[in-house]
Amino acid sequence: MYEIIHTNDHSHTIYVPELDEHYHSVNGAIQESRHVYIEAGLNQCYQNPVFVLEIGFGTGLNALLSAMEAEKRNIRIKYFSIEKYPLPESVTAKLNYISLNKLLFSKIHAATWNQKADITSFFSLHKIEADLHNFPFPEQYDVVFYDAFGPDKQPDVWSQEIFDRIFSGMNPEGILTTYCAKGEVRRMLQRAGFTVERIPGPPGKREMLRGRKL
């Protein structure tokens, strides 16, 4: 069902044959996550604490990089992640992201679903097993990582209704980043109320989108 492959920066990603889709860019999983979500998203937010919402927990890579950034910058991050289909431990245990920080990676994946966990004194994690369509957005978020499978694979999670609800659930000056640069996604974000910019994408991808709630 899942195939672990090496990407061009030697980090793993997962290939799902049924969808013909990868969890990350084959040009480099870690460098894509750092570029799209950490550098273009988290590091553009100057709140402390920072409330982060991730759409698609996946392999836990974005959570790991965010936890590392919290330690590096001495900021507190309250991290919420929605995932409808959590990966089994038999798969995540084989990922080589453990080389980035073994203790953090292990604690992130050991955290119980649907319960808040204090991973470090700087980083708390709440992994939520839920359908995005039914998620009540209980917090107000400063940063949103929109990391679902692409619109051609999961069109139902790239909808106007969802972007409208996310916009309403964000704090003023909130930031949303996504690897996707499709014109219709940009227009939906704009209709929701975001000020949207196309910015350079990670290696192998010319552009990505960043929306701000101004």
Protein backbone atom coordinates (compact mmCIF):
# COMPACT_ATOMS: atom_id res chain seq x y z
CA MET A 1 0.00 0.00 0.00
CA TYR A 2 2.84 2.41 0.85
CA GLU A 3 6.28 2.55 -0.76
CA ILE A 4 9.16 4.45 0.86
CA ILE A 5 11.49 6.04 -1.68
CA HIS A 6 14.52 8.32 -1.54
CA THR A 7 14.13 11.85 -2.91
CA ASN A 8 16.89 13.94 -4.45
CA ASP A 9 18.07 15.36 -1.11
CA HIS A 10 18.34 11.77 0.18
CA SER A 11 15.36 12.15 2.53
CA HIS A 12 12.47 9.74 2.31
CA THR A 13 9.00 10.26 0.99
CA ILE A 14 6.10 7.86 0.64
CA TYR A 15 4.51 6.85 -2.64
CA VAL A 16 0.86 5.74 -2.71
CA PRO A 17 0.29 3.60 -5.82
CA GLU A 18 -3.52 3.75 -5.52
CA LEU A 19 -3.39 7.53 -5.93
CA ASP A 20 -0.19 7.67 -7.99
CA GLU A 21 0.91 10.36 -5.54
CA HIS A 22 3.87 11.14 -3.30
CA TYR A 23 3.67 12.69 0.15
CA HIS A 24 6.48 15.12 -0.77
CA SER A 25 8.41 16.37 -3.77
CA VAL A 26 10.71 13.78 -5.29
CA ASN A 27 13.16 16.66 -5.74
CA GLY A 28 13.71 16.66 -1.97
CA ALA A 29 11.24 16.04 0.86
CA ILE A 30 13.06 17.91 3.61
CA GLN A 31 14.07 20.85 1.45
CA GLU A 32 10.49 21.18 0.16
CA SER A 33 9.02 21.21 3.68
CA ARG A 34 11.60 23.71 4.91
CA HIS A 35 11.06 26.01 1.95
CA VAL A 36 7.25 25.93 1.76
CA TYR A 37 6.22 25.69 5.41
CA ILE A 38 9.11 26.82 7.60
CA GLU A 39 10.83 29.58 5.60
CA ALA A 40 7.78 30.90 3.71
CA GLY A 41 5.29 30.35 6.53
CA LEU A 42 6.39 29.85 10.13
CA ASN A 43 9.42 32.13 9.91
CA GLN A 44 7.30 34.96 8.50
CA CYS A 45 5.17 35.00 11.67
CA TYR A 46 6.40 37.01 14.65
CA GLN A 47 3.83 35.98 17.25
CA ASN A 48 4.89 34.18 20.42
CA PRO A 49 3.33 31.77 21.05
CA VAL A 50 2.50 30.78 17.48
CA PHE A 51 -0.66 28.78 16.83
CA VAL A 52 -0.05 26.53 13.82
CA LEU A 53 -2.64 24.46 11.98
CA GLU A 54 -1.44 21.80 9.57
CA ILE A 55 -3.78 20.25 7.03
CA GLY A 56 -2.38 16.77 6.52
CA PHE A 57 -0.08 15.38 9.24
CA GLY A 58 1.28 12.75 6.85
CA THR A 59 4.77 11.65 7.81
CA GLY A 60 5.13 14.19 10.62
CA LEU A 61 7.95 15.98 8.80
CA ASN A 62 6.41 19.46 9.03
CA ALA A 63 5.77 18.96 12.75
CA LEU A 64 9.35 17.81 13.30
CA LEU A 65 10.85 20.79 11.46
CA SER A 66 8.54 23.15 13.37
CA ALA A 67 9.57 21.64 16.71
CA MET A 68 13.22 22.04 15.75
CA GLU A 69 12.59 25.66 14.76
CA ALA A 70 10.89 26.37 18.08
CA GLU A 71 13.98 25.12 19.90
CA LYS A 72 16.29 27.07 17.62
CA ARG A 73 14.40 30.37 17.95
CA ASN A 74 13.27 29.96 21.56
CA ILE A 75 9.62 30.47 20.63
CA ARG A 76 6.58 28.55 21.78
CA ILE A 77 4.56 26.76 19.13
CA LYS A 78 1.14 25.26 19.72
CA TYR A 79 0.79 22.87 16.81
CA PHE A 80 -2.47 21.32 15.63
CA SER A 81 -2.55 18.82 12.78
CA ILE A 82 -5.56 17.24 11.07
CA GLU A 83 -5.20 13.87 9.39
CA LYS A 84 -8.02 11.65 8.18
CA TYR A 85 -5.81 8.63 7.45
CA PRO A 86 -2.86 8.39 9.89
CA LEU A 87 0.07 6.34 8.68
CA PRO A 88 0.83 3.15 10.61
CA GLU A 89 3.84 3.06 12.90
CA SER A 90 5.27 0.25 10.79
CA VAL A 91 5.74 2.83 8.01
CA THR A 92 6.76 5.94 9.95
CA ALA A 93 9.39 3.99 11.92
CA LYS A 94 11.30 3.39 8.67
CA LEU A 95 11.55 7.05 7.64
CA ASN A 96 15.03 8.54 7.76
CA TYR A 97 13.85 11.88 9.19
CA ILE A 98 14.96 10.38 12.48
CA SER A 99 18.46 11.54 11.51
CA LEU A 100 17.33 15.17 11.98
CA ASN A 101 16.41 14.68 15.63
CA LYS A 102 15.75 11.16 16.87
CA LEU A 103 14.20 12.16 20.20
CA LEU A 104 11.79 14.74 18.74
CA PHE A 105 10.75 12.49 15.87
CA SER A 106 10.05 9.60 18.24
CA LYS A 107 8.06 11.75 20.67
CA ILE A 108 5.98 13.29 17.86
CA HIS A 109 4.95 9.87 16.56
CA ALA A 110 4.46 8.42 20.03
CA ALA A 111 2.02 11.20 20.93
CA THR A 112 -1.52 9.91 21.34
CA TRP A 113 -3.99 10.99 18.68
CA ASN A 114 -6.74 13.42 19.73
CA GLN A 115 -4.87 14.49 22.86
CA LYS A 116 -2.55 17.41 23.49
CA ALA A 117 1.06 16.40 24.11
CA ASP A 118 3.90 18.58 25.38
CA ILE A 119 6.77 17.44 23.19
CA THR A 120 9.23 19.99 24.60
CA SER A 121 8.93 23.13 26.73
CA PHE A 122 8.66 25.05 23.44
CA PHE A 123 6.45 22.76 21.36
CA SER A 124 3.06 21.24 22.07
CA LEU A 125 1.30 18.95 19.62
CA HIS A 126 -2.32 18.01 19.11
CA LYS A 127 -2.72 15.40 16.38
CA ILE A 128 -6.37 15.21 15.35
CA GLU A 129 -7.77 12.24 13.47
CA ALA A 130 -10.69 13.86 11.69
CA ASP A 131 -12.31 14.76 8.43
CA LEU A 132 -11.47 18.35 7.54
CA HIS A 133 -15.05 18.97 6.44
CA ASN A 134 -16.26 18.38 10.01
CA PHE A 135 -13.41 20.10 11.86
CA PRO A 136 -14.74 22.88 14.15
CA PHE A 137 -11.55 25.03 14.16
CA PRO A 138 -11.58 25.38 17.97
CA GLU A 139 -8.58 27.75 18.07
CA GLN A 140 -7.58 30.89 16.18
CA TYR A 141 -4.47 30.15 14.13
CA ASP A 142 -1.51 32.34 13.15
CA VAL A 143 -0.04 30.02 10.52
CA VAL A 144 -1.68 27.37 8.34
CA PHE A 145 0.29 24.71 6.48
CA TYR A 146 -1.99 23.53 3.67
CA ASP A 147 -0.33 20.22 2.82
CA ALA A 148 -3.10 17.96 1.55
CA PHE A 149 -2.65 15.81 -1.54
CA GLY A 150 -3.05 17.85 -4.72
CA PRO A 151 -6.38 19.12 -6.09
CA ASP A 152 -6.32 16.51 -8.85
CA LYS A 153 -6.05 13.73 -6.24
CA GLN A 154 -8.22 15.11 -3.41
CA PRO A 155 -10.44 17.78 -4.98
CA ASP A 156 -12.87 17.73 -2.05
CA VAL A 157 -10.34 19.30 0.33
CA TRP A 158 -9.53 22.15 -2.06
CA SER A 159 -12.90 23.86 -1.89
CA GLN A 160 -14.21 27.38 -1.38
CA GLU A 161 -16.13 26.32 1.72
CA ILE A 162 -12.99 25.00 3.42
CA PHE A 163 -10.89 28.06 2.58
CA ASP A 164 -13.68 30.33 3.84
CA ARG A 165 -13.74 28.46 7.16
CA ILE A 166 -9.95 28.53 7.48
CA PHE A 167 -9.88 32.28 6.86
CA SER A 168 -12.51 32.79 9.58
CA GLY A 169 -10.49 30.60 11.95
CA MET A 170 -7.27 32.60 11.60
CA ASN A 171 -5.95 35.51 13.60
CA PRO A 172 -5.35 38.91 11.94
CA GLU A 173 -2.04 38.90 10.04
CA GLY A 174 -2.28 35.12 9.77
CA ILE A 175 -0.32 33.33 7.05
CA LEU A 176 -1.29 30.33 4.92
CA THR A 177 1.27 28.57 2.75
CA THR A 178 0.87 25.75 0.26
CA TYR A 179 3.05 24.09 -2.35
CA CYS A 180 0.12 24.34 -4.79
CA ALA A 181 0.18 27.21 -7.29
CA LYS A 182 -2.91 26.41 -9.36
CA GLY A 183 -4.88 29.44 -10.51
CA GLU A 184 -8.20 28.16 -9.17
CA VAL A 185 -6.70 27.63 -5.71
CA ARG A 186 -5.31 31.17 -5.79
CA ARG A 187 -8.74 32.53 -6.76
CA MET A 188 -10.49 30.57 -4.00
CA LEU A 189 -8.06 31.94 -1.43
CA GLN A 190 -8.69 35.45 -2.70
CA ARG A 191 -12.46 34.98 -2.57
CA ALA A 192 -12.10 33.77 1.03
CA GLY A 193 -10.42 37.08 1.89
CA PHE A 194 -6.71 36.31 1.68
CA THR A 195 -4.21 38.63 0.04
CA VAL A 196 -2.38 36.09 -2.11
CA GLU A 197 1.07 36.18 -3.65
CA ARG A 198 2.89 33.78 -5.91
CA ILE A 199 6.40 33.26 -4.58
CA PRO A 200 9.29 31.06 -5.75
CA GLY A 201 8.71 27.40 -5.05
CA PRO A 202 11.12 24.77 -3.78
CA PRO A 203 13.58 23.02 -6.12
CA GLY A 204 11.71 21.49 -9.03
CA LYS A 205 8.70 23.79 -8.65
CA ARG A 206 8.62 27.28 -10.12
CA GLU A 207 5.97 28.81 -7.84
CA MET A 208 3.93 28.28 -4.69
CA LEU A 209 1.19 30.30 -2.96
CA ARG A 210 1.18 32.33 0.23
CA GLY A 211 -1.96 33.99 1.57
CA ARG A 212 -2.18 36.60 4.33
CA LYS A 213 -5.14 37.69 6.41
CA LEU A 214 -4.52 41.43 6.47
